Protein backbone atom coordinates (compact mmCIF):
# COMPACT_ATOMS: atom_id res chain seq x y z
CA UNK A 1 67.68 74.73 127.91
CA UNK A 2 67.42 78.29 126.69
CA UNK A 3 67.95 77.98 122.94
CA UNK A 4 64.41 78.86 121.84
CA UNK A 5 64.21 82.28 120.16
CA UNK A 6 60.67 83.65 119.79
CA UNK A 7 59.81 84.70 116.24
CA UNK A 8 57.63 87.48 114.87
CA UNK A 9 54.67 86.29 112.81
CA UNK A 10 55.59 87.58 109.34
CA UNK A 11 56.08 86.43 105.75
CA UNK A 12 59.78 85.75 106.14
CA UNK A 13 59.51 83.53 109.22
CA UNK A 14 56.53 81.55 107.91
CA UNK A 15 58.15 81.00 104.50
CA UNK A 16 61.46 79.97 106.09
CA UNK A 17 59.76 77.29 108.24
CA UNK A 18 57.64 76.15 105.28
CA UNK A 19 60.69 75.79 103.03
CA UNK A 20 62.73 74.08 105.76
CA UNK A 21 59.99 71.53 106.51
CA UNK A 22 58.81 70.77 102.96
CA UNK A 23 59.78 67.23 101.97
CA UNK A 24 62.30 66.97 99.17
CA UNK A 25 63.17 64.21 96.75
CA UNK A 26 65.71 62.97 99.29
CA UNK A 27 63.18 62.75 102.17
CA UNK A 28 62.69 59.06 103.07
CA UNK A 29 59.14 57.79 102.52
CA UNK A 30 58.70 56.94 106.22
CA UNK A 31 59.52 60.57 107.11
CA UNK A 32 57.01 62.07 104.65
CA UNK A 33 53.72 63.45 106.04
CA UNK A 34 50.82 64.48 103.84
CA UNK A 35 49.01 67.76 104.19
CA UNK A 36 45.82 68.99 102.54
CA UNK A 37 44.53 72.09 104.30
CA UNK A 38 41.38 72.29 102.12
CA UNK A 39 39.66 68.94 101.44
CA UNK A 40 36.74 68.01 99.21
CA UNK A 41 34.99 66.25 102.10
CA UNK A 42 35.13 69.59 103.91
CA UNK A 43 33.31 71.37 101.10
CA UNK A 44 36.06 72.60 98.77
CA UNK A 45 36.20 72.25 94.98
CA UNK A 46 38.97 70.11 93.50
CA UNK A 47 40.96 73.14 92.31
CA UNK A 48 41.52 74.12 95.95
CA UNK A 49 42.98 70.71 96.90
CA UNK A 50 46.70 70.72 96.94
CA UNK A 51 48.55 67.89 98.58
CA UNK A 52 51.93 68.84 99.95
CA UNK A 53 54.41 66.60 101.72
CA UNK A 54 56.46 67.65 104.71
CA UNK A 55 59.25 65.99 106.65
CA UNK A 56 57.85 64.72 109.97
CA UNK A 57 61.29 65.16 111.51
CA UNK A 58 61.60 68.76 110.40
CA UNK A 59 58.02 69.61 111.47
CA UNK A 60 58.86 68.14 114.90
CA UNK A 61 62.07 70.21 115.04
CA UNK A 62 60.12 73.40 114.24
CA UNK A 63 57.08 72.51 116.38
CA UNK A 64 57.69 75.23 118.97
CA UNK A 65 58.22 77.86 116.29
CA UNK A 66 55.01 76.88 114.50
CA UNK A 67 52.99 76.94 117.73
CA UNK A 68 54.58 80.24 118.77
CA UNK A 69 53.61 81.87 115.46
CA UNK A 70 50.03 80.56 115.74
CA UNK A 71 49.89 82.04 119.24
CA UNK A 72 50.21 85.53 117.74
CA UNK A 73 46.99 85.23 115.70
CA UNK A 74 44.03 87.44 116.57
CA UNK A 75 41.73 84.41 116.76
CA UNK A 76 43.92 82.87 119.48
CA UNK A 77 44.04 86.02 121.61
CA UNK A 78 40.32 86.66 121.18
CA UNK A 79 38.63 83.25 120.91
CA UNK A 80 35.90 83.09 118.32
CA UNK A 81 33.71 80.50 120.07
CA UNK A 82 31.80 80.36 123.27
CA UNK A 83 33.86 79.40 126.32
CA UNK A 84 31.77 76.23 126.57
CA UNK A 85 32.94 74.94 123.15
CA UNK A 86 34.37 71.42 123.38
CA UNK A 87 37.29 72.29 121.12
CA UNK A 88 38.36 75.83 120.30
CA UNK A 89 38.12 76.88 116.66
CA UNK A 90 39.62 79.61 114.53
CA UNK A 91 38.43 81.05 111.23
CA UNK A 92 40.45 82.06 108.19
CA UNK A 93 39.68 85.64 109.21
CA UNK A 94 41.03 84.98 112.70
CA UNK A 95 44.28 83.78 111.10
CA UNK A 96 44.64 86.78 108.79
CA UNK A 97 45.34 89.29 111.55
CA UNK A 98 47.76 89.27 114.43
CA UNK A 99 46.75 90.04 118.00
CA UNK A 100 47.42 93.75 117.39
CA UNK A 101 44.72 93.77 114.70
CA UNK A 102 47.22 94.09 111.85
CA UNK A 103 47.29 91.98 108.70
CA UNK A 104 50.54 90.12 109.34
CA UNK A 105 51.34 89.05 105.76
CA UNK A 106 52.16 90.96 102.59
CA UNK A 107 51.36 88.07 100.26
CA UNK A 108 48.45 85.63 100.62
CA UNK A 109 50.79 82.74 99.88
CA UNK A 110 52.31 83.26 103.34
CA UNK A 111 48.88 82.82 104.94
CA UNK A 112 48.39 79.60 102.96
CA UNK A 113 51.87 78.42 103.98
CA UNK A 114 50.92 79.00 107.63
CA UNK A 115 47.80 76.87 107.10
CA UNK A 116 49.86 74.08 105.54
CA UNK A 117 52.62 73.92 108.17
CA UNK A 118 49.92 74.10 110.82
CA UNK A 119 47.89 71.14 109.57
CA UNK A 120 50.29 68.34 108.62
CA UNK A 121 48.62 64.92 109.05
CA UNK A 122 49.87 62.64 111.84
CA UNK A 123 52.09 65.33 113.31
CA UNK A 124 51.60 67.45 116.41
CA UNK A 125 50.43 70.61 114.65
CA UNK A 126 48.24 73.55 115.76
CA UNK A 127 45.20 73.05 113.50
CA UNK A 128 43.27 70.49 111.49
CA UNK A 129 42.21 71.21 107.89
CA UNK A 130 39.65 73.92 107.24
CA UNK A 131 35.93 73.33 106.68
CA UNK A 132 33.85 75.51 104.37
CA UNK A 133 31.19 77.21 106.48
CA UNK A 134 29.01 77.86 103.39
CA UNK A 135 29.16 74.18 102.47
CA UNK A 136 28.28 72.93 105.96
CA UNK A 137 25.44 75.49 106.19
CA UNK A 138 24.12 74.23 102.84
CA UNK A 139 24.29 70.64 104.10
CA UNK A 140 22.45 71.49 107.31
CA UNK A 141 19.71 73.36 105.43
CA UNK A 142 19.49 70.85 102.59
CA UNK A 143 15.90 69.91 101.83
CA UNK A 144 16.54 68.50 98.34
CA UNK A 145 18.67 65.54 99.36
CA UNK A 146 21.31 66.55 96.78
CA UNK A 147 24.85 67.43 97.79
CA UNK A 148 25.54 71.17 97.65
CA UNK A 149 28.09 72.49 95.17
CA UNK A 150 31.67 72.50 96.50
CA UNK A 151 33.06 75.94 97.30
CA UNK A 152 35.53 77.40 94.82
CA UNK A 153 36.82 80.03 97.21
CA UNK A 154 38.20 80.11 100.70
CA UNK A 155 36.03 82.38 102.86
CA UNK A 156 36.92 84.39 105.97
CA UNK A 157 34.39 82.43 108.05
CA UNK A 158 35.74 78.98 107.07
CA UNK A 159 36.76 77.25 110.27
CA UNK A 160 39.23 74.76 111.74
CA UNK A 161 39.89 73.30 115.17
CA UNK A 162 42.77 74.57 117.29
CA UNK A 163 45.02 72.21 119.20
CA UNK A 164 44.97 72.54 122.98
CA UNK A 165 48.65 73.51 122.77
CA UNK A 166 47.98 76.80 120.98
CA UNK A 167 48.23 79.58 123.55
CA UNK A 168 48.47 83.37 123.13
CA UNK A 169 52.02 84.62 122.54
CA UNK A 170 53.53 88.05 121.94
CA UNK A 171 55.81 89.21 119.15
CA UNK A 172 59.37 89.97 120.25
CA UNK A 173 59.03 93.54 118.90
CA UNK A 174 56.02 94.24 121.16
CA UNK A 175 56.91 96.71 123.96
CA UNK A 176 55.15 94.37 126.43
CA UNK A 177 57.23 91.38 125.27
CA UNK A 178 60.17 91.56 127.75
CA UNK A 179 57.93 91.39 130.82
CA UNK A 180 55.61 88.80 129.19
CA UNK A 181 58.59 86.66 128.12
CA UNK A 182 60.03 86.61 131.64
CA UNK A 183 56.70 85.25 132.90
CA UNK A 184 56.36 82.65 130.07
CA UNK A 185 59.92 81.72 129.07
CA UNK A 186 59.87 78.39 130.93
CA UNK A 187 56.85 77.23 128.89
CA UNK A 188 58.88 77.52 125.67
CA UNK A 189 62.37 76.38 126.66
């Protein structure tokens, strides 16, 4: 006990976990887990589908790190739904900023990498795939009986469900971190 080191939500840490967990040619088939963060059935156009494969073993080894990074998102610290919601949700916009209100990434690819490592199928991950809010609104208001056009862009109000295990965390460089960590260390080690 005691070997967990909290990480700061940033490009470098997200990319390192992504690269570490991505399945390689040498990953056995039974250890491969599929991930599609943006699916056609959820309202996205085919050009937004990208299937990636991760190692289940490596995702499990990095589970705490992934959850800890998700815990630093603004949408986790300030829930976006009513307290009565059956399952908490988070939007793309709620993932783009950290709890301090800062954009945490320099490159959008890091945000996408966070979505992918957070939504690996059949693994204990923080989120499910995203759903296009514009697409679901068009379905709900559909009077023609025809399917609405799939969305060709990811929007800030697109939404996903959060796992119950995602809880607010603080970045190790936050001045309030030492006191917070003393109160929460046992939850992570």
